[in-house]
Structure formats: C-alpha cells, structure tokens
C-alpha atoms as a PDB file:
ATOM      1  CA  MET A   1     -87.100 -28.435 -50.823  1.00  0.00           C
ATOM      2  CA  PRO A   2     -84.584 -28.414 -47.981  1.00  0.00           C
ATOM      3  CA  SER A   3     -83.960 -25.009 -46.428  1.00  0.00           C
ATOM      4  CA  ILE A   4     -80.350 -25.763 -45.487  1.00  0.00           C
ATOM      5  CA  VAL A   5     -77.704 -26.807 -47.981  1.00  0.00           C
ATOM      6  CA  GLN A   6     -74.482 -28.205 -46.605  1.00  0.00           C
ATOM      7  CA  LEU A   7     -71.371 -27.968 -48.759  1.00  0.00           C
ATOM      8  CA  GLU A   8     -68.440 -30.279 -48.031  1.00  0.00           C
ATOM      9  CA  PRO A   9     -65.088 -29.773 -49.752  1.00  0.00           C
ATOM     10  CA  ARG A  10     -63.834 -32.918 -51.429  1.00  0.00           C
ATOM     11  CA  THR A  11     -60.850 -33.754 -53.564  1.00  0.00           C
ATOM     12  CA  ASP A  12     -60.084 -36.657 -55.870  1.00  0.00           C
ATOM     13  CA  CYS A  13     -56.343 -36.363 -55.251  1.00  0.00           C
ATOM     14  CA  PRO A  14     -55.096 -39.072 -52.857  1.00  0.00           C
ATOM     15  CA  ASP A  15     -51.929 -37.106 -52.129  1.00  0.00           C
ATOM     16  CA  MET A  16     -52.030 -35.257 -48.776  1.00  0.00           C
ATOM     17  CA  GLN A  17     -49.117 -33.019 -49.681  1.00  0.00           C
ATOM     18  CA  ASP A  18     -51.171 -29.876 -50.409  1.00  0.00           C
ATOM     19  CA  GLY A  19     -53.133 -30.250 -47.171  1.00  0.00           C
ATOM     20  CA  LEU A  20     -50.027 -30.717 -45.070  1.00  0.00           C
ATOM     21  CA  GLN A  21     -48.544 -27.535 -46.476  1.00  0.00           C
ATOM     22  CA  ALA A  22     -51.498 -25.536 -45.040  1.00  0.00           C
ATOM     23  CA  ARG A  23     -51.019 -22.736 -47.540  1.00  0.00           C
ATOM     24  CA  ILE A  24     -52.555 -19.288 -46.993  1.00  0.00           C
ATOM     25  CA  HIS A  25     -52.917 -17.217 -50.139  1.00  0.00           C
ATOM     26  CA  ASP A  26     -52.962 -13.843 -48.359  1.00  0.00           C
ATOM     27  CA  PRO A  27     -51.830 -13.914 -44.689  1.00  0.00           C
ATOM     28  CA  LEU A  28     -52.042 -10.128 -44.434  1.00  0.00           C
ATOM     29  CA  TRP A  29     -55.736 -10.207 -45.393  1.00  0.00           C
ATOM     30  CA  LEU A  30     -56.365 -12.759 -42.636  1.00  0.00           C
ATOM     31  CA  LEU A  31     -54.747 -10.494 -40.040  1.00  0.00           C
ATOM     32  CA  ALA A  32     -56.663  -7.490 -41.376  1.00  0.00           C
ATOM     33  CA  ARG A  33     -60.000  -9.282 -40.975  1.00  0.00           C
ATOM     34  CA  GLN A  34     -59.099 -10.168 -37.376  1.00  0.00           C
ATOM     35  CA  TRP A  35     -58.372  -6.471 -36.753  1.00  0.00           C
ATOM     36  CA  GLN A  36     -61.646  -5.371 -38.410  1.00  0.00           C
ATOM     37  CA  PHE A  37     -63.661  -7.670 -36.174  1.00  0.00           C
ATOM     38  CA  ALA A  38     -61.796  -6.425 -33.087  1.00  0.00           C
ATOM     39  CA  GLU A  39     -60.421  -9.840 -32.299  1.00  0.00           C
ATOM     40  CA  PHE A  40     -57.293  -8.221 -30.859  1.00  0.00           C
ATOM     41  CA  LYS A  41     -59.281  -6.183 -28.297  1.00  0.00           C
ATOM     42  CA  GLY A  42     -60.563  -9.043 -26.168  1.00  0.00           C
ATOM     43  CA  ASP A  43     -59.297  -9.788 -22.690  1.00  0.00           C
ATOM     44  CA  ASP A  44     -57.585 -12.899 -23.963  1.00  0.00           C
ATOM     45  CA  ALA A  45     -56.244 -11.243 -27.101  1.00  0.00           C
ATOM     46  CA  ALA A  46     -52.617 -11.245 -28.053  1.00  0.00           C
ATOM     47  CA  SER A  47     -50.239  -8.466 -27.078  1.00  0.00           C
ATOM     48  CA  PRO A  48     -46.905  -8.010 -28.868  1.00  0.00           C
ATOM     49  CA  ALA A  49     -43.756  -8.557 -26.836  1.00  0.00           C
ATOM     50  CA  ALA A  50     -40.160  -8.392 -27.938  1.00  0.00           C
ATOM     51  CA  ALA A  51     -38.229 -11.621 -27.720  1.00  0.00           C
ATOM     52  CA  GLN A  52     -34.938 -13.058 -28.870  1.00  0.00           C
ATOM     53  CA  LEU A  53     -34.516 -16.397 -30.543  1.00  0.00           C
ATOM     54  CA  VAL A  54     -31.247 -18.275 -30.197  1.00  0.00           C
ATOM     55  CA  MET A  55     -30.884 -21.265 -32.464  1.00  0.00           C
ATOM     56  CA  LYS A  56     -28.335 -23.609 -33.928  1.00  0.00           C
ATOM     57  CA  SER A  57     -28.301 -24.842 -37.490  1.00  0.00           C
ATOM     58  CA  SER A  58     -26.201 -27.336 -39.351  1.00  0.00           C
ATOM     59  CA  PRO A  59     -26.017 -27.995 -43.100  1.00  0.00           C
ATOM     60  CA  ILE A  60     -26.522 -31.312 -44.822  1.00  0.00           C
ATOM     61  CA  THR A  61     -23.085 -32.829 -45.346  1.00  0.00           C
ATOM     62  CA  ARG A  62     -23.749 -36.418 -46.425  1.00  0.00           C
ATOM     63  CA  TYR A  63     -25.932 -37.926 -49.157  1.00  0.00           C
ATOM     64  CA  HIS A  64     -26.960 -41.527 -49.820  1.00  0.00           C
ATOM     65  CA  SER A  65     -28.732 -42.239 -53.119  1.00  0.00           C
ATOM     66  CA  GLY A  66     -31.432 -44.866 -53.283  1.00  0.00           C
ATOM     67  CA  PRO A  67     -32.973 -46.890 -50.455  1.00  0.00           C
ATOM     68  CA  LEU A  68     -30.804 -47.694 -47.462  1.00  0.00           C
ATOM     69  CA  PRO A  69     -29.162 -51.132 -47.542  1.00  0.00           C
ATOM     70  CA  VAL A  70     -30.646 -53.963 -45.523  1.00  0.00           C
ATOM     71  CA  ASP A  71     -27.511 -53.924 -43.390  1.00  0.00           C
ATOM     72  CA  ARG A  72     -27.778 -50.347 -42.067  1.00  0.00           C
ATOM     73  CA  SER A  73     -24.156 -50.433 -40.886  1.00  0.00           C
ATOM     74  CA  LYS A  74     -23.046 -50.280 -44.542  1.00  0.00           C
ATOM     75  CA  ALA A  75     -24.965 -47.061 -45.260  1.00  0.00           C
ATOM     76  CA  LYS A  76     -21.913 -44.955 -44.371  1.00  0.00           C
ATOM     77  CA  ASP A  77     -19.801 -46.775 -46.975  1.00  0.00           C
ATOM     78  CA  HIS A  78     -22.252 -45.936 -49.762  1.00  0.00           C
ATOM     79  CA  ALA A  79     -22.765 -42.276 -48.759  1.00  0.00           C
ATOM     80  CA  ARG A  80     -20.778 -39.345 -50.102  1.00  0.00           C
ATOM     81  CA  ASN A  81     -20.057 -35.768 -49.121  1.00  0.00           C
ATOM     82  CA  TYR A  82     -22.543 -33.117 -50.153  1.00  0.00           C
ATOM     83  CA  SER A  83     -22.596 -29.326 -50.063  1.00  0.00           C
ATOM     84  CA  PRO A  84     -25.863 -27.409 -50.639  1.00  0.00           C
ATOM     85  CA  VAL A  85     -23.823 -24.518 -52.036  1.00  0.00           C
ATOM     86  CA  SER A  86     -22.465 -26.512 -54.968  1.00  0.00           C
ATOM     87  CA  LEU A  87     -25.687 -28.199 -56.117  1.00  0.00           C
ATOM     88  CA  PRO A  88     -29.364 -28.049 -55.085  1.00  0.00           C
ATOM     89  CA  LEU A  89     -30.527 -31.273 -53.499  1.00  0.00           C
ATOM     90  CA  GLU A  90     -33.409 -31.644 -55.976  1.00  0.00           C
ATOM     91  CA  THR A  91     -30.956 -31.460 -58.876  1.00  0.00           C
ATOM     92  CA  LEU A  92     -28.688 -34.066 -57.312  1.00  0.00           C
ATOM     93  CA  VAL A  93     -31.579 -36.442 -56.693  1.00  0.00           C
ATOM     94  CA  GLU A  94     -33.255 -36.090 -60.084  1.00  0.00           C
ATOM     95  CA  GLN A  95     -30.244 -35.915 -62.393  1.00  0.00           C
ATOM     96  CA  GLU A  96     -30.173 -38.496 -65.161  1.00  0.00           C
ATOM     97  CA  PRO A  97     -28.390 -39.111 -68.475  1.00  0.00           C
ATOM     98  CA  VAL A  98     -29.234 -36.395 -70.983  1.00  0.00           C
ATOM     99  CA  ARG A  99     -26.746 -36.926 -73.787  1.00  0.00           C
ATOM    100  CA  ARG A 100     -27.148 -40.506 -74.939  1.00  0.00           C
ATOM    101  CA  SER A 101     -26.080 -42.177 -78.180  1.00  0.00           C
ATOM    102  CA  ARG A 102     -25.527 -39.814 -81.072  1.00  0.00           C
ATOM    103  CA  SER A 103     -28.194 -41.598 -83.119  1.00  0.00           C
ATOM    104  CA  ASN A 104     -30.969 -39.977 -81.061  1.00  0.00           C
ATOM    105  CA  ASP A 105     -29.127 -36.811 -80.048  1.00  0.00           C
ATOM    106  CA  PHE A 106     -29.359 -34.825 -83.266  1.00  0.00           C
ATOM    107  CA  ARG A 107     -31.162 -31.838 -81.801  1.00  0.00           C
ATOM    108  CA  LEU A 108     -28.666 -31.357 -78.974  1.00  0.00           C
ATOM    109  CA  ALA A 109     -25.775 -31.785 -81.387  1.00  0.00           C
ATOM    110  CA  ALA A 110     -27.221 -29.192 -83.765  1.00  0.00           C
ATOM    111  CA  GLU A 111     -27.980 -26.694 -80.976  1.00  0.00           C
ATOM    112  CA  ALA A 112     -24.458 -27.097 -79.598  1.00  0.00           C
ATOM    113  CA  GLY A 113     -23.053 -26.449 -83.053  1.00  0.00           C
ATOM    114  CA  LEU A 114     -25.149 -23.312 -83.454  1.00  0.00           C
ATOM    115  CA  GLN A 115     -24.006 -22.128 -80.032  1.00  0.00           C
ATOM    116  CA  PHE A 116     -20.393 -22.555 -81.123  1.00  0.00           C
ATOM    117  CA  VAL A 117     -21.061 -20.302 -84.120  1.00  0.00           C
ATOM    118  CA  ARG A 118     -22.652 -17.704 -81.837  1.00  0.00           C
ATOM    119  CA  ILE A 119     -19.597 -17.670 -79.574  1.00  0.00           C
ATOM    120  CA  LEU A 120     -17.292 -17.421 -82.595  1.00  0.00           C
ATOM    121  CA  GLU A 121     -19.220 -14.353 -83.731  1.00  0.00           C
ATOM    122  CA  LEU A 122     -18.984 -12.803 -80.246  1.00  0.00           C
ATOM    123  CA  HIS A 123     -15.209 -13.104 -80.587  1.00  0.00           C
ATOM    124  CA  SER A 124     -15.377 -11.649 -84.138  1.00  0.00           C
ATOM    125  CA  MET A 125     -14.320 -15.026 -85.556  1.00  0.00           C
ATOM    126  CA  GLY A 126     -17.549 -15.911 -87.342  1.00  0.00           C
ATOM    127  CA  ILE A 127     -15.738 -15.858 -90.687  1.00  0.00           C
ATOM    128  CA  HIS A 128     -14.213 -19.238 -89.781  1.00  0.00           C
ATOM    129  CA  ARG A 129     -17.473 -21.103 -89.147  1.00  0.00           C
ATOM    130  CA  ASP A 130     -17.331 -22.775 -92.583  1.00  0.00           C
ATOM    131  CA  ILE A 131     -13.983 -24.329 -91.663  1.00  0.00           C
ATOM    132  CA  PHE A 132     -15.470 -25.971 -88.599  1.00  0.00           C
ATOM    133  CA  ARG A 133     -18.609 -26.993 -90.502  1.00  0.00           C
ATOM    134  CA  SER A 134     -16.555 -28.669 -93.217  1.00  0.00           C
ATOM    135  CA  ALA A 135     -14.640 -30.661 -90.591  1.00  0.00           C
ATOM    136  CA  ALA A 136     -17.546 -31.563 -88.293  1.00  0.00           C
ATOM    137  CA  ALA A 137     -20.832 -31.232 -90.150  1.00  0.00           C
ATOM    138  CA  LEU A 138     -23.978 -32.876 -88.823  1.00  0.00           C
ATOM    139  CA  LYS A 139     -24.548 -35.991 -90.955  1.00  0.00           C
ATOM    140  CA  SER A 140     -27.532 -38.223 -91.540  1.00  0.00           C
ATOM    141  CA  PRO A 141     -27.209 -41.700 -90.031  1.00  0.00           C
ATOM    142  CA  PRO A 142     -26.893 -44.832 -92.191  1.00  0.00           C
ATOM    143  CA  ASP A 143     -30.020 -46.312 -93.721  1.00  0.00           C
ATOM    144  CA  ASN A 144     -30.261 -49.076 -91.122  1.00  0.00           C
ATOM    145  CA  GLU A 145     -30.345 -46.469 -88.321  1.00  0.00           C
ATOM    146  CA  ARG A 146     -32.818 -44.248 -90.165  1.00  0.00           C
ATOM    147  CA  LEU A 147     -35.366 -47.056 -89.934  1.00  0.00           C
ATOM    148  CA  THR A 148     -35.431 -46.590 -86.150  1.00  0.00           C
ATOM    149  CA  LEU A 149     -36.119 -42.827 -86.304  1.00  0.00           C
ATOM    150  CA  ASP A 150     -39.553 -41.236 -86.212  1.00  0.00           C
ATOM    151  CA  GLY A 151     -40.900 -38.780 -88.743  1.00  0.00           C
ATOM    152  CA  ASP A 152     -39.965 -35.693 -86.720  1.00  0.00           C
ATOM    153  CA  ALA A 153     -36.335 -36.765 -86.472  1.00  0.00           C
ATOM    154  CA  LEU A 154     -36.147 -37.526 -90.205  1.00  0.00           C
ATOM    155  CA  ARG A 155     -37.629 -34.136 -91.113  1.00  0.00           C
ATOM    156  CA  PHE A 156     -35.214 -32.428 -88.713  1.00  0.00           C
ATOM    157  CA  LEU A 157     -32.253 -34.155 -90.354  1.00  0.00           C
ATOM    158  CA  ALA A 158     -33.528 -33.279 -93.829  1.00  0.00           C
ATOM    159  CA  VAL A 159     -33.268 -29.588 -92.900  1.00  0.00           C
ATOM    160  CA  MET A 160     -30.199 -29.525 -90.638  1.00  0.00           C
ATOM    161  CA  ALA A 161     -27.863 -32.236 -91.988  1.00  0.00           C
ATOM    162  CA  ARG A 162     -24.703 -30.836 -93.630  1.00  0.00           C
ATOM    163  CA  ARG A 163     -25.866 -27.291 -92.810  1.00  0.00           C
ATOM    164  CA  VAL A 164     -24.794 -27.030 -89.149  1.00  0.00           C
ATOM    165  CA  ILE A 165     -21.841 -28.109 -87.044  1.00  0.00           C
ATOM    166  CA  ASP A 166     -22.207 -31.360 -85.124  1.00  0.00           C
ATOM    167  CA  GLY A 167     -21.578 -30.089 -81.585  1.00  0.00           C
ATOM    168  CA  ALA A 168     -21.078 -33.588 -80.166  1.00  0.00           C
ATOM    169  CA  GLN A 169     -18.430 -34.407 -82.756  1.00  0.00           C
ATOM    170  CA  LEU A 170     -16.716 -31.063 -82.234  1.00  0.00           C
ATOM    171  CA  HIS A 171     -16.681 -31.616 -78.467  1.00  0.00           C
ATOM    172  CA  ASP A 172     -15.057 -35.047 -78.967  1.00  0.00           C
ATOM    173  CA  LYS A 173     -12.348 -33.270 -80.944  1.00  0.00           C
ATOM    174  CA  LEU A 174     -11.713 -30.264 -78.693  1.00  0.00           C
ATOM    175  CA  ALA A 175     -12.239 -31.656 -75.193  1.00  0.00           C
ATOM    176  CA  PRO A 176      -9.156 -33.948 -75.140  1.00  0.00           C
ATOM    177  CA  LEU A 177      -6.992 -31.115 -76.500  1.00  0.00           C
ATOM    178  CA  ARG A 178      -8.126 -28.728 -73.764  1.00  0.00           C
ATOM    179  CA  LYS A 179      -7.663 -31.380 -71.085  1.00  0.00           C
ATOM    180  CA  SER A 180      -4.038 -31.812 -72.100  1.00  0.00           C
ATOM    181  CA  GLY A 181      -3.516 -28.048 -72.576  1.00  0.00           C
ATOM    182  CA  ARG A 182      -2.861 -28.439 -76.306  1.00  0.00           C
ATOM    183  CA  LEU A 183      -5.731 -26.621 -77.997  1.00  0.00           C
ATOM    184  CA  SER A 184      -3.220 -24.897 -80.242  1.00  0.00           C
ATOM    185  CA  ASP A 185      -2.417 -28.305 -81.814  1.00  0.00           C
ATOM    186  CA  LEU A 186      -5.804 -28.064 -83.544  1.00  0.00           C
ATOM    187  CA  PHE A 187      -4.242 -25.823 -86.175  1.00  0.00           C
ATOM    188  CA  ASN A 188      -1.647 -28.450 -87.158  1.00  0.00           C
ATOM    189  CA  GLU A 189      -4.194 -30.364 -89.247  1.00  0.00           C
ATOM    190  CA  ALA A 190      -6.488 -29.490 -92.107  1.00  0.00           C
ATOM    191  CA  PRO A 191      -8.855 -27.735 -92.449  1.00  0.00           C
ATOM    192  CA  TYR A 192      -8.095 -25.841 -89.210  1.00  0.00           C
ATOM    193  CA  SER A 193      -4.616 -25.026 -90.501  1.00  0.00           C
ATOM    194  CA  GLY A 194      -6.307 -22.577 -92.867  1.00  0.00           C
ATOM    195  CA  ILE A 195      -7.100 -20.216 -89.963  1.00  0.00           C
ATOM    196  CA  PRO A 196      -4.596 -17.307 -90.012  1.00  0.00           C
ATOM    197  CA  ASN A 197      -2.065 -17.081 -87.198  1.00  0.00           C
ATOM    198  CA  GLY A 198      -3.449 -13.740 -86.053  1.00  0.00           C
ATOM    199  CA  ASP A 199      -6.911 -15.242 -85.446  1.00  0.00           C
ATOM    200  CA  ARG A 200      -5.879 -18.446 -83.718  1.00  0.00           C
ATOM    201  CA  GLN A 201      -5.731 -17.061 -80.174  1.00  0.00           C
ATOM    202  CA  SER A 202      -9.254 -15.657 -80.489  1.00  0.00           C
ATOM    203  CA  VAL A 203     -10.479 -18.987 -81.845  1.00  0.00           C
ATOM    204  CA  ILE A 204      -8.893 -20.773 -78.870  1.00  0.00           C
ATOM    205  CA  GLU A 205     -10.641 -18.379 -76.473  1.00  0.00           C
ATOM    206  CA  ALA A 206     -13.970 -18.983 -78.228  1.00  0.00           C
ATOM    207  CA  ALA A 207     -13.446 -22.752 -78.158  1.00  0.00           C
ATOM    208  CA  THR A 208     -12.595 -22.666 -74.426  1.00  0.00           C
ATOM    209  CA  GLU A 209     -15.719 -20.642 -73.655  1.00  0.00           C
ATOM    210  CA  TRP A 210     -17.850 -23.030 -75.709  1.00  0.00           C
ATOM    211  CA  LEU A 211     -16.401 -26.131 -74.035  1.00  0.00           C
ATOM    212  CA  THR A 212     -17.265 -24.665 -70.629  1.00  0.00           C
ATOM    213  CA  TRP A 213     -20.820 -23.984 -71.838  1.00  0.00           C
ATOM    214  CA  TYR A 214     -21.147 -27.511 -73.239  1.00  0.00           C
ATOM    215  CA  ASP A 215     -19.862 -29.262 -70.117  1.00  0.00           C
ATOM    216  CA  THR A 216     -22.041 -27.238 -67.729  1.00  0.00           C
ATOM    217  CA  LEU A 217     -25.235 -27.153 -69.815  1.00  0.00           C
ATOM    218  CA  PHE A 218     -26.674 -30.183 -68.006  1.00  0.00           C
ATOM    219  CA  THR A 219     -26.186 -31.720 -64.583  1.00  0.00           C
ATOM    220  CA  GLN A 220     -26.330 -35.368 -65.509  1.00  0.00           C
ATOM    221  CA  SER A 221     -25.162 -38.762 -64.352  1.00  0.00           C
ATOM    222  CA  THR A 222     -24.575 -42.053 -66.107  1.00  0.00           C
ATOM    223  CA  GLU A 223     -27.062 -43.791 -63.798  1.00  0.00           C
ATOM    224  CA  ASN A 224     -29.578 -42.436 -61.301  1.00  0.00           C
ATOM    225  CA  GLN A 225     -29.544 -44.768 -58.307  1.00  0.00           C
ATOM    226  CA  SER A 226     -32.192 -42.715 -56.488  1.00  0.00           C
ATOM    227  CA  TRP A 227     -34.853 -43.486 -59.083  1.00  0.00           C
ATOM    228  CA  ILE A 228     -37.066 -46.431 -58.087  1.00  0.00           C
ATOM    229  CA  ARG A 229     -38.366 -47.684 -61.418  1.00  0.00           C
ATOM    230  CA  ASP A 230     -40.989 -50.026 -59.953  1.00  0.00           C
ATOM    231  CA  ARG A 231     -42.578 -47.212 -57.915  1.00  0.00           C
ATOM    232  CA  LEU A 232     -41.905 -44.281 -60.294  1.00  0.00           C
ATOM    233  CA  GLU A 233     -40.418 -42.189 -57.487  1.00  0.00           C
ATOM    234  CA  TYR A 234     -37.114 -41.300 -55.840  1.00  0.00           C
ATOM    235  CA  ALA A 235     -35.637 -42.472 -52.549  1.00  0.00           C
ATOM    236  CA  PHE A 236     -32.569 -41.082 -50.798  1.00  0.00           C
ATOM    237  CA  THR A 237     -31.147 -40.216 -47.392  1.00  0.00           C
ATOM    238  CA  VAL A 238     -29.220 -37.196 -46.080  1.00  0.00           C
ATOM    239  CA  SER A 239     -27.607 -36.363 -42.750  1.00  0.00           C
ATOM    240  CA  GLY A 240     -25.979 -33.557 -40.790  1.00  0.00           C
ATOM    241  CA  GLN A 241     -24.585 -33.064 -37.317  1.00  0.00           C
ATOM    242  CA  THR A 242     -26.752 -31.495 -34.588  1.00  0.00           C
ATOM    243  CA  PRO A 243     -26.011 -30.686 -30.913  1.00  0.00           C
ATOM    244  CA  VAL A 244     -27.381 -34.104 -29.954  1.00  0.00           C
ATOM    245  CA  GLY A 245     -25.544 -36.025 -32.650  1.00  0.00           C
ATOM    246  CA  GLU A 246     -25.987 -36.918 -36.288  1.00  0.00           C
ATOM    247  CA  MET A 247     -29.509 -36.388 -37.661  1.00  0.00           C
ATOM    248  CA  VAL A 248     -30.383 -38.770 -40.493  1.00  0.00           C
ATOM    249  CA  LEU A 249     -33.400 -37.935 -42.687  1.00  0.00           C
ATOM    250  CA  THR A 250     -34.820 -40.235 -45.331  1.00  0.00           C
ATOM    251  CA  ALA A 251     -37.084 -39.283 -48.232  1.00  0.00           C
ATOM    252  CA  PRO A 252     -38.676 -42.657 -49.073  1.00  0.00           C
ATOM    253  CA  GLU A 253     -41.321 -41.445 -51.555  1.00  0.00           C
ATOM    254  CA  TYR A 254     -40.123 -38.263 -53.246  1.00  0.00           C
ATOM    255  CA  LEU A 255     -41.831 -37.642 -56.592  1.00  0.00           C
ATOM    256  CA  GLU A 256     -40.203 -34.592 -58.146  1.00  0.00           C
ATOM    257  CA  GLY A 257     -40.079 -30.808 -58.124  1.00  0.00           C
ATOM    258  CA  HIS A 258     -39.524 -29.306 -54.696  1.00  0.00           C
ATOM    259  CA  LEU A 259     -38.362 -30.853 -51.435  1.00  0.00           C
ATOM    260  CA  ASP A 260     -39.955 -29.691 -48.195  1.00  0.00           C
ATOM    261  CA  TRP A 261     -39.958 -30.768 -44.562  1.00  0.00           C
ATOM    262  CA  PHE A 262     -42.787 -33.239 -45.041  1.00  0.00           C
ATOM    263  CA  SER A 263     -40.740 -35.101 -47.672  1.00  0.00           C
ATOM    264  CA  PHE A 264     -38.477 -36.508 -44.937  1.00  0.00           C
ATOM    265  CA  VAL A 265     -38.795 -38.876 -42.011  1.00  0.00           C
ATOM    266  CA  ALA A 266     -36.272 -39.280 -39.197  1.00  0.00           C
ATOM    267  CA  THR A 267     -34.201 -42.440 -39.405  1.00  0.00           C
ATOM    268  CA  PRO A 268     -32.640 -43.228 -36.019  1.00  0.00           C
ATOM    269  CA  GLY A 269     -29.942 -45.845 -35.609  1.00  0.00           C
ATOM    270  CA  VAL A 270     -28.276 -45.048 -38.946  1.00  0.00           C
ATOM    271  CA  SER A 271     -25.082 -43.096 -39.615  1.00  0.00           C
ATOM    272  CA  LEU A 272     -23.842 -41.614 -42.891  1.00  0.00           C
ATOM    273  CA  GLY A 273     -20.672 -40.226 -41.327  1.00  0.00           C
ATOM    274  CA  ALA A 274     -21.672 -36.557 -41.205  1.00  0.00           C
ATOM    275  CA  GLU A 275     -19.071 -34.080 -39.980  1.00  0.00           C
ATOM    276  CA  ASN A 276     -19.678 -31.583 -37.180  1.00  0.00           C
ATOM    277  CA  ARG A 277     -20.471 -28.217 -38.806  1.00  0.00           C
ATOM    278  CA  ILE A 278     -22.912 -26.695 -36.338  1.00  0.00           C
ATOM    279  CA  SER A 279     -23.282 -22.924 -36.468  1.00  0.00           C
ATOM    280  CA  SER A 280     -25.012 -20.660 -33.954  1.00  0.00           C
ATOM    281  CA  ALA A 281     -27.332 -17.812 -34.817  1.00  0.00           C
ATOM    282  CA  SER A 282     -29.591 -15.381 -32.993  1.00  0.00           C
ATOM    283  CA  SER A 283     -32.482 -13.309 -34.257  1.00  0.00           C
ATOM    284  CA  ASN A 284     -34.888 -10.728 -32.846  1.00  0.00           C
ATOM    285  CA  PHE A 285     -38.575 -11.168 -33.574  1.00  0.00           C
ATOM    286  CA  PHE A 286     -42.023 -10.351 -32.163  1.00  0.00           C
ATOM    287  CA  ARG A 287     -44.333 -12.930 -30.719  1.00  0.00           C
ATOM    288  CA  PHE A 288     -47.851 -12.819 -29.258  1.00  0.00           C
ATOM    289  CA  ARG A 289     -48.526 -14.007 -25.758  1.00  0.00           C
END
C-alpha cells in the first residue's frame, strides 16, 4: 500500500469561466488565518498606508448587436445609442419575442385578463368585469388549430375558455384608443356603453394602469440579431470614450446570465461613434506596501 496519496482537483467542465473569476467564499476568513499564523509580523510583511486613488470612468454609450461586419468601417452605421441607466446590457442582448401568435399565447392572454380584473377591483370597479368578459372572452381556437396544440394547452383551454378576459384581444382594443387620447370613446359602443357615467373615469384610470403594465411586462424585440443560432450563443460589441480615445469591446461568445470583464475582448481599429462622456472621480483607500 502506498504511504502517500496525492489528490489532484479535476473538472469535467471545459469552460474556464469559473477559474478566471478566482472566487473566494470567505475573504475575511483568509485574512484571519494570516493573522493567526503571524504572517503580518514578518520583516517583509505588509504595513497599511493611506493613499488616494484618482481615476476616470466613462459609460458605455454605443451598442452593436451581432458580429461586426466584414467591412469594419460600416460598424458605426449599424450601432445605436445605449444608456446603462435605461436598460441592463444583459437584458438588451438577450431580449427576444415573447408574445407571438395568439394561437400559442393562451396563458399570457389569460393572465393579462386576470390582471385587468385585479386592477379594476383596486379601483373599486370590479362590478364591471362581466362587461369586459362578454366583449373580449378567451375563446378556443378552430378545430384545425386545435390539432396543433398539445394536451396541456387543450386542458388549459377547457378550463379557462369563456371564463376569463382575453388580455391580448383587450389590449388590441384599448391600445389604439389610448394612443390617440380617445379612451372615453370606448363607452360609445356596446357592451361598454352599459357602464354608468359616474364610473367611467375610474374605468379609464384602471385601463390606463393596465395598459402600462401590459406594455412594460416584457422587454422584447421582434428579432434578436445578437443571437448566433449556429453556435447557440450571443455576440455583440459596445464602446465608450476614454482619455485615449474610443474603447471598443466585443463579446464574441457570450452565453447568458451575467456579463463580466472576462466576457469582453478589446477590438482596436473599430469605431462605433461613441460620444465623449468621461467623468473624473477620486477615492480614499488603504493599501499594503
């Protein structure tokens, strides 16, 4: 029997992302063990000294979806302005169509209809939910479309059809009226004309609140140009101005989830037309020397 056993850590994951992150579960414990073993008392040990850090930072201001064109001079024409405050970069990169054809969107339509009823009740207008359900009830598709549905969808429709409001249909009715500022015209046609005059303003407020909820529920796009179908990953490029000029960073193999510094590579010789928004900042900290 051998007296020495050597253990070597191995992993079956070919991705080096976790190793590059160099995570430490408990940094304070690591420092405490150094203190317990008197590692800070040696002649070459660290001694704290106050210092001041002066740095410059600049936000990302331009975004290019998908791989860069072969003619790099055209990259600027395909880029667009971007603000990290308005939308996280991960959301912008990974957004895709959520609401598709109504034939396979029954669950979203039913949930949106139930949400409309909830908002009506918050405005004390729940007594009018039957009026909206009679005008825009969730319906089962024709027989030829039912053949394309799976068992779960058919069972869902058997329970929910004609019992809930079709949120997608209601949105198609209300959204154009709000866009033109004529939501009050809803009450000029049956069955909405049966809502008393004294309740109509509250119903309009509830409908406006629901439309805002519906339109902001998902961040979606008609087509995601950053998604590389053949490689099952995303590719995109961002840029921002620095003291030495525009810095262009490309993420050629982003999978999903969370972007970090190791997701990007510098791409010299390319311009996305970033504006100069450099800001200065200073900070006090302690270092060891």
